[in-house]
Structure formats: C-alpha cells, structure tokens
Amino acid sequence: MKQSSNESAGADVSRAQSVKSRIARSNDARRLKNWITVLQEAQAAVADGADCAPQVMALQAEALLRLQRHDEADSLLSGAGAPRFGVDESTKFFGTFGHAYFLIVRAQVDMAAGRFEDAVATAQTAFQLDPSNREVSVVQRRAKAAAAARLRGNDLFKAAKFAEACAAYGEGLDREPGNAVLLCNRAACHAKLGRHEKAVEDCSAALDVRPSYSKARLRRADCNVKLERWEASLRDYQVLVQELPENEDVKKALSEVEAKLKGQRHGAAAARSQH
C-alpha cells in the first residue's frame, strides 16, 4: 500500500514538472511569436493535467487567434471547461500578471467574436490590475478604438451614409485587422453601394477566420447572386441550409439559385448542340 502511495505521489510530481516545463516552452515560443509551438506546448500541458489553469487556456486561445482560428479560440474560452475564477481569486492563485494576461487574451477573443463592449470592459479590468504593463495598455487602446469605430460605423449605416460607414469600419480594421464582424459590416456597406465584388472579398476574409459566421456567408451568397455567380452562391446556400435548417428564406434562396443554375446549364447545352 505504501509503495503504491509513493508511486502515485511520484507520478504527480513528474506530471507537475512536465506541466511547468511545457508552460515555460510555450512562453518562450510566445516571445518568438512561434504560435504553432505555443499551441502545441499548451495543449501538451493540458494533457498533463493543467486543463483548468487560466494561463494555459490563455496561451492556447492567443495562439489560435494568431493562427486565424477565431472560432476555436472563442469556443475554448466560452466552453464548459473554461476557467471561471473571480478577479480576487484568480489574482491570489496566479498573480497579477497571470490574471491580467488571461484578461487581455479574453478581451481579444471577445473583439474577434464581435463582443466589443465586453472586450472594452475586460481590457479595462486588466489595466486596473496591471497599469504599468505595456501589452495590457496596447490591448486596452485597441479595444476602445475598435469599439468606437464599430459604433460610429453602425450609426452612419443607420443614417444611410454608406460610404462614410464603410470608412469608419475600415478605421476599425486598421486597429483590428481581420476582425470578422467589422469585415462583414463593411461588406454590407459595399453591397449597399453596389460594390458586390468588394463585399464578397470582405465576407470571404471574415469566413477565413470564422467559418461558422452565418451572417457573412449569407451576405456573400446574396452578393454572388447579384453577380450571377450561381455555383458560388449555391455552395454557400447549401452550407447555410445545414447551419440554419429552420430558415425558410435560405431554403427559398437555395431553390431559386438551383433553378438559375439549371437554366444556365440547359442554355449552355442547347448552345453547344447548335454548333
């Protein structure tokens, strides 16, 4: 019995040492901006038992963001296994820097998901915890600037000032490049201005980082219809029917595109038979 207990304790110590070295390697890779290694080492630390450590979750989420895998980063920090510590509790266990780091990653994930007000509030909490940390200050400024640009763009869009709204969303994207919500909003402006090609480009960029972003896919499908790109719009509507099975408008749009494509193919076949 005693031997078994000693072996168990030894295994726990070994796992703890492994977690510590994994986190150290992940932090080293972060300094070098080697995001694939950051992710691999953090995931290995989770496998060794650090599945609830906020620092490890933050390392994974930040790496996923930098690798343009925004949906996965959001799922990681919003899922059932995400850490749920209060500020005081987390600071006590993981230190001011550790909790501030988790918060600025959380803020960036919120921004990527379009939760700009949450991002500003979270970044502000991080700044109050660690006001001398340059990285925290940068994220706080970015969150405020992106949120302000989104709000300004929304107000201009509601006032039907589409060119000005487009510029406002663009300013937000200057501060937060690749933000799917800002890209999708700018695409709406392009569509209103008849610039369907540009709208498709912005929607595609949004879907590159957030493949499950149905709003961007709907907008791209509609713009491709306007451009009479039936096959491209068909592909998007086929995905949307799976994602939004209750949406009758999507089903109707899919049927219409299928009919257009069928007509186009019949026309092409008839033209070939005449030659």
Protein backbone atom coordinates (compact mmCIF):
# COMPACT_ATOMS: atom_id res chain seq x y z
CA MET A 1 0.00 0.00 0.00
CA LYS A 2 2.82 2.37 0.98
CA GLN A 3 4.73 1.62 -2.24
CA SER A 4 1.60 2.31 -4.29
CA SER A 5 1.12 5.63 -2.49
CA ASN A 6 4.75 6.60 -3.13
CA GLU A 7 4.43 5.71 -6.82
CA SER A 8 1.28 7.82 -7.09
CA ALA A 9 2.99 10.78 -5.43
CA GLY A 10 5.98 10.35 -7.73
CA ALA A 11 3.73 10.35 -10.78
CA ASP A 12 2.04 13.55 -9.57
CA VAL A 13 5.40 15.27 -9.11
CA SER A 14 6.52 14.11 -12.55
CA ARG A 15 3.32 15.46 -14.13
CA ALA A 16 3.68 18.77 -12.30
CA GLN A 17 7.28 19.13 -13.53
CA SER A 18 6.16 18.29 -17.07
CA VAL A 19 3.40 20.93 -16.93
CA LYS A 20 5.88 23.52 -15.64
CA SER A 21 8.36 22.82 -18.45
CA ARG A 22 5.57 22.81 -21.07
CA ILE A 23 4.36 26.22 -19.91
CA ALA A 24 7.94 27.56 -19.94
CA ARG A 25 8.45 26.32 -23.52
CA SER A 26 5.09 27.78 -24.55
CA ASN A 27 6.06 31.16 -23.08
CA ASP A 28 9.45 31.03 -24.84
CA ALA A 29 7.71 30.31 -28.15
CA ARG A 30 5.28 33.17 -27.49
CA ARG A 31 8.18 35.61 -27.15
CA LEU A 32 9.40 34.38 -30.56
CA LYS A 33 5.83 34.57 -31.98
CA ASN A 34 6.05 30.88 -32.90
CA TRP A 35 2.32 30.32 -32.47
CA ILE A 36 2.22 26.70 -33.63
CA THR A 37 4.71 25.74 -30.90
CA VAL A 38 2.83 27.86 -28.34
CA LEU A 39 -0.33 25.91 -29.13
CA GLN A 40 1.36 22.50 -29.15
CA GLU A 41 3.11 23.03 -25.80
CA ALA A 42 0.00 24.47 -24.15
CA GLN A 43 -2.11 21.55 -25.39
CA ALA A 44 0.53 19.14 -24.06
CA ALA A 45 0.33 20.89 -20.67
CA VAL A 46 -3.45 20.34 -20.71
CA ALA A 47 -2.90 16.66 -21.48
CA ASP A 48 -0.56 16.50 -18.46
CA GLY A 49 -3.30 17.84 -16.20
CA ALA A 50 -3.26 21.65 -16.46
CA ASP A 51 -6.71 21.71 -18.04
CA CYS A 52 -8.16 24.46 -15.79
CA ALA A 53 -5.12 26.74 -15.47
CA PRO A 54 -6.08 30.19 -16.86
CA GLN A 55 -2.54 30.84 -18.14
CA VAL A 56 -2.57 27.64 -20.19
CA MET A 57 -6.06 28.38 -21.55
CA ALA A 58 -4.91 31.89 -22.45
CA LEU A 59 -1.79 30.60 -24.24
CA GLN A 60 -3.93 28.25 -26.32
CA ALA A 61 -6.53 30.91 -27.11
CA GLU A 62 -3.94 33.53 -28.06
CA ALA A 63 -2.16 31.06 -30.35
CA LEU A 64 -5.47 30.15 -32.02
CA LEU A 65 -6.22 33.84 -32.57
CA ARG A 66 -2.80 34.46 -34.13
CA LEU A 67 -3.27 31.39 -36.34
CA GLN A 68 -6.53 32.93 -37.60
CA ARG A 69 -8.69 30.28 -35.90
CA HIS A 70 -11.04 32.69 -34.15
CA ASP A 71 -14.00 30.31 -33.73
CA GLU A 72 -11.80 27.79 -31.92
CA ALA A 73 -10.35 30.44 -29.62
CA ASP A 74 -13.86 31.58 -28.69
CA SER A 75 -15.07 28.02 -28.09
CA LEU A 76 -12.07 27.36 -25.85
CA LEU A 77 -12.73 30.33 -23.55
CA SER A 78 -16.54 30.13 -23.67
CA GLY A 79 -16.92 26.37 -23.33
CA ALA A 80 -17.84 24.32 -20.28
CA GLY A 81 -14.18 23.68 -19.44
CA ALA A 82 -13.15 27.35 -19.42
CA PRO A 83 -11.85 28.71 -16.08
CA ARG A 84 -14.41 30.62 -14.02
CA PHE A 85 -12.33 32.48 -11.44
CA GLY A 86 -13.22 35.87 -9.97
CA VAL A 87 -10.61 38.62 -10.16
CA ASP A 88 -9.54 38.36 -6.49
CA GLU A 89 -9.47 34.55 -6.51
CA SER A 90 -7.52 34.35 -9.77
CA THR A 91 -5.05 37.04 -8.73
CA LYS A 92 -4.45 35.23 -5.43
CA PHE A 93 -3.69 31.92 -7.16
CA PHE A 94 -1.99 33.06 -10.38
CA GLY A 95 -0.60 36.51 -9.57
CA THR A 96 -1.44 39.92 -11.01
CA PHE A 97 0.48 39.36 -14.24
CA GLY A 98 -1.03 35.90 -14.81
CA HIS A 99 -4.59 37.11 -14.40
CA ALA A 100 -4.01 40.29 -16.43
CA TYR A 101 -2.62 38.15 -19.27
CA PHE A 102 -5.69 35.92 -19.20
CA LEU A 103 -7.93 39.00 -19.30
CA ILE A 104 -6.23 40.63 -22.29
CA VAL A 105 -6.48 37.39 -24.25
CA ARG A 106 -10.15 37.17 -23.21
CA ALA A 107 -10.63 40.76 -24.45
CA GLN A 108 -9.06 39.94 -27.81
CA VAL A 109 -11.25 36.85 -28.20
CA ASP A 110 -14.30 38.99 -27.39
CA MET A 111 -13.24 41.51 -30.05
CA ALA A 112 -12.77 38.77 -32.63
CA ALA A 113 -16.29 37.50 -31.86
CA GLY A 114 -17.79 40.99 -32.14
CA ARG A 115 -18.41 41.46 -28.40
CA PHE A 116 -16.77 44.88 -28.37
CA GLU A 117 -18.36 46.22 -25.17
CA ASP A 118 -17.29 43.08 -23.29
CA ALA A 119 -13.79 43.45 -24.73
CA VAL A 120 -13.52 47.06 -23.51
CA ALA A 121 -14.74 46.14 -20.01
CA THR A 122 -12.37 43.15 -19.75
CA ALA A 123 -9.39 45.13 -21.03
CA GLN A 124 -10.20 47.89 -18.51
CA THR A 125 -10.17 45.34 -15.67
CA ALA A 126 -6.77 44.09 -16.88
CA PHE A 127 -5.47 47.67 -16.97
CA GLN A 128 -6.65 48.32 -13.41
CA LEU A 129 -4.82 45.17 -12.31
CA ASP A 130 -1.57 45.90 -14.13
CA PRO A 131 -1.48 49.55 -15.38
CA SER A 132 2.28 49.56 -16.00
CA ASN A 133 2.11 46.58 -18.39
CA ARG A 134 2.64 47.86 -21.93
CA GLU A 135 0.90 44.86 -23.51
CA VAL A 136 -2.20 45.46 -21.38
CA SER A 137 -2.24 49.16 -22.36
CA VAL A 138 -1.98 48.31 -26.06
CA VAL A 139 -4.90 45.86 -25.92
CA GLN A 140 -6.99 48.36 -23.95
CA ARG A 141 -6.41 51.07 -26.59
CA ARG A 142 -7.14 48.64 -29.42
CA ALA A 143 -10.40 47.51 -27.82
CA LYS A 144 -11.58 51.09 -27.27
CA ALA A 145 -10.66 52.15 -30.82
CA ALA A 146 -12.31 49.12 -32.46
CA ALA A 147 -15.48 49.51 -30.36
CA ALA A 148 -15.71 53.22 -31.18
CA ALA A 149 -15.21 52.56 -34.91
CA ARG A 150 -17.91 49.87 -34.91
CA LEU A 151 -20.36 52.17 -33.09
CA ARG A 152 -19.61 55.08 -35.45
CA GLY A 153 -20.00 52.80 -38.48
CA ASN A 154 -23.31 51.44 -37.19
CA ASP A 155 -24.70 54.95 -36.62
CA LEU A 156 -23.65 56.07 -40.11
CA PHE A 157 -25.11 52.91 -41.67
CA LYS A 158 -28.45 53.50 -39.91
CA ALA A 159 -28.39 57.05 -41.33
CA ALA A 160 -27.88 55.53 -44.82
CA LYS A 161 -24.43 57.16 -45.09
CA PHE A 162 -22.92 54.02 -46.53
CA ALA A 163 -19.64 55.44 -47.88
CA GLU A 164 -18.90 57.11 -44.53
CA ALA A 165 -19.87 53.94 -42.64
CA CYS A 166 -17.55 51.94 -44.89
CA ALA A 167 -14.68 54.29 -43.99
CA ALA A 168 -15.50 54.03 -40.26
CA TYR A 169 -15.42 50.23 -40.33
CA GLY A 170 -12.16 50.49 -42.28
CA GLU A 171 -10.66 52.58 -39.46
CA GLY A 172 -11.66 49.84 -37.03
CA LEU A 173 -9.98 47.27 -39.26
CA ASP A 174 -6.80 49.37 -39.26
CA ARG A 175 -6.71 48.83 -35.48
CA GLU A 176 -8.07 45.28 -35.51
CA PRO A 177 -7.10 43.66 -38.86
CA GLY A 178 -9.08 40.59 -39.83
CA ASN A 179 -11.97 41.28 -37.44
CA ALA A 180 -14.83 39.23 -38.89
CA VAL A 181 -17.64 41.47 -37.62
CA LEU A 182 -16.06 44.67 -38.94
CA LEU A 183 -15.37 42.95 -42.27
CA CYS A 184 -18.96 41.73 -42.51
CA ASN A 185 -20.30 45.20 -41.63
CA ARG A 186 -18.07 46.82 -44.25
CA ALA A 187 -19.30 44.23 -46.75
CA ALA A 188 -22.86 45.41 -46.05
CA CYS A 189 -21.78 48.96 -46.95
CA HIS A 190 -20.12 47.77 -50.16
CA ALA A 191 -23.29 45.87 -51.08
CA LYS A 192 -25.46 48.96 -50.48
CA LEU A 193 -23.11 50.94 -52.74
CA GLY A 194 -23.34 48.27 -55.46
CA ARG A 195 -19.74 47.14 -54.93
CA HIS A 196 -20.62 43.46 -54.76
CA GLU A 197 -17.13 42.23 -55.68
CA LYS A 198 -15.62 44.08 -52.72
CA ALA A 199 -18.42 42.81 -50.49
CA VAL A 200 -17.62 39.22 -51.49
CA GLU A 201 -13.92 39.81 -50.69
CA ASP A 202 -14.71 41.12 -47.19
CA CYS A 203 -17.15 38.27 -46.48
CA SER A 204 -14.57 35.72 -47.63
CA ALA A 205 -11.95 37.28 -45.35
CA ALA A 206 -14.43 37.10 -42.44
CA LEU A 207 -15.20 33.45 -43.16
CA ASP A 208 -11.49 32.60 -43.35
CA VAL A 209 -11.18 33.33 -39.62
CA ARG A 210 -14.74 32.41 -38.58
CA PRO A 211 -16.09 29.64 -40.85
CA SER A 212 -19.28 29.37 -38.79
CA TYR A 213 -20.19 33.06 -39.25
CA SER A 214 -23.56 32.58 -40.96
CA LYS A 215 -24.22 36.30 -41.42
CA ALA A 216 -21.08 36.68 -43.56
CA ARG A 217 -21.96 33.56 -45.56
CA LEU A 218 -25.50 34.84 -46.19
CA ARG A 219 -24.16 38.17 -47.37
CA ARG A 220 -21.59 36.53 -49.65
CA ALA A 221 -24.23 34.23 -51.13
CA ASP A 222 -26.53 37.19 -51.83
CA CYS A 223 -23.72 39.22 -53.43
CA ASN A 224 -22.75 36.29 -55.63
CA VAL A 225 -26.39 36.09 -56.75
CA LYS A 226 -26.18 39.78 -57.73
CA LEU A 227 -23.00 38.94 -59.68
CA GLU A 228 -24.80 35.93 -61.25
CA ARG A 229 -22.18 33.56 -59.86
CA TRP A 230 -24.68 30.78 -59.35
CA GLU A 231 -22.26 27.99 -58.44
CA ALA A 232 -20.51 30.09 -55.77
CA SER A 233 -23.82 31.16 -54.24
CA LEU A 234 -25.12 27.58 -54.42
CA ARG A 235 -22.16 26.34 -52.34
CA ASP A 236 -22.88 28.91 -49.62
CA TYR A 237 -26.62 28.26 -49.56
CA GLN A 238 -26.00 24.51 -49.27
CA VAL A 239 -23.88 25.18 -46.15
CA LEU A 240 -26.47 27.63 -44.79
CA VAL A 241 -29.32 25.14 -45.15
CA GLN A 242 -27.35 22.84 -42.83
CA GLU A 243 -26.49 25.63 -40.38
CA LEU A 244 -29.95 27.28 -40.39
CA PRO A 245 -32.40 24.42 -41.07
CA GLU A 246 -35.42 26.42 -39.84
CA ASN A 247 -34.74 29.45 -42.06
CA GLU A 248 -37.34 29.44 -44.86
CA ASP A 249 -35.69 32.36 -46.68
CA VAL A 250 -32.49 30.34 -47.05
CA LYS A 251 -34.42 27.34 -48.41
CA LYS A 252 -36.21 29.61 -50.90
CA ALA A 253 -32.95 31.26 -51.99
CA LEU A 254 -31.34 27.84 -52.47
CA SER A 255 -34.24 26.70 -54.69
CA GLU A 256 -34.02 29.88 -56.77
CA VAL A 257 -30.26 29.50 -57.26
CA GLU A 258 -30.68 25.83 -58.19
CA ALA A 259 -33.28 26.86 -60.80
CA LYS A 260 -30.98 29.56 -62.21
CA LEU A 261 -28.06 27.14 -62.41
CA LYS A 262 -30.23 24.51 -64.07
CA GLY A 263 -31.42 27.05 -66.62
CA GLN A 264 -27.86 28.20 -67.28
CA ARG A 265 -26.69 24.63 -67.86
CA HIS A 266 -29.62 23.87 -70.16
CA GLY A 267 -28.85 27.04 -72.11
CA ALA A 268 -25.18 26.10 -72.44
CA ALA A 269 -26.09 22.57 -73.56
CA ALA A 270 -28.54 23.92 -76.16
CA ALA A 271 -25.89 26.33 -77.47
CA ARG A 272 -23.37 23.50 -77.82
CA SER A 273 -25.87 21.31 -79.70
CA GLN A 274 -26.40 24.05 -82.30
CA HIS A 275 -22.71 24.10 -83.25
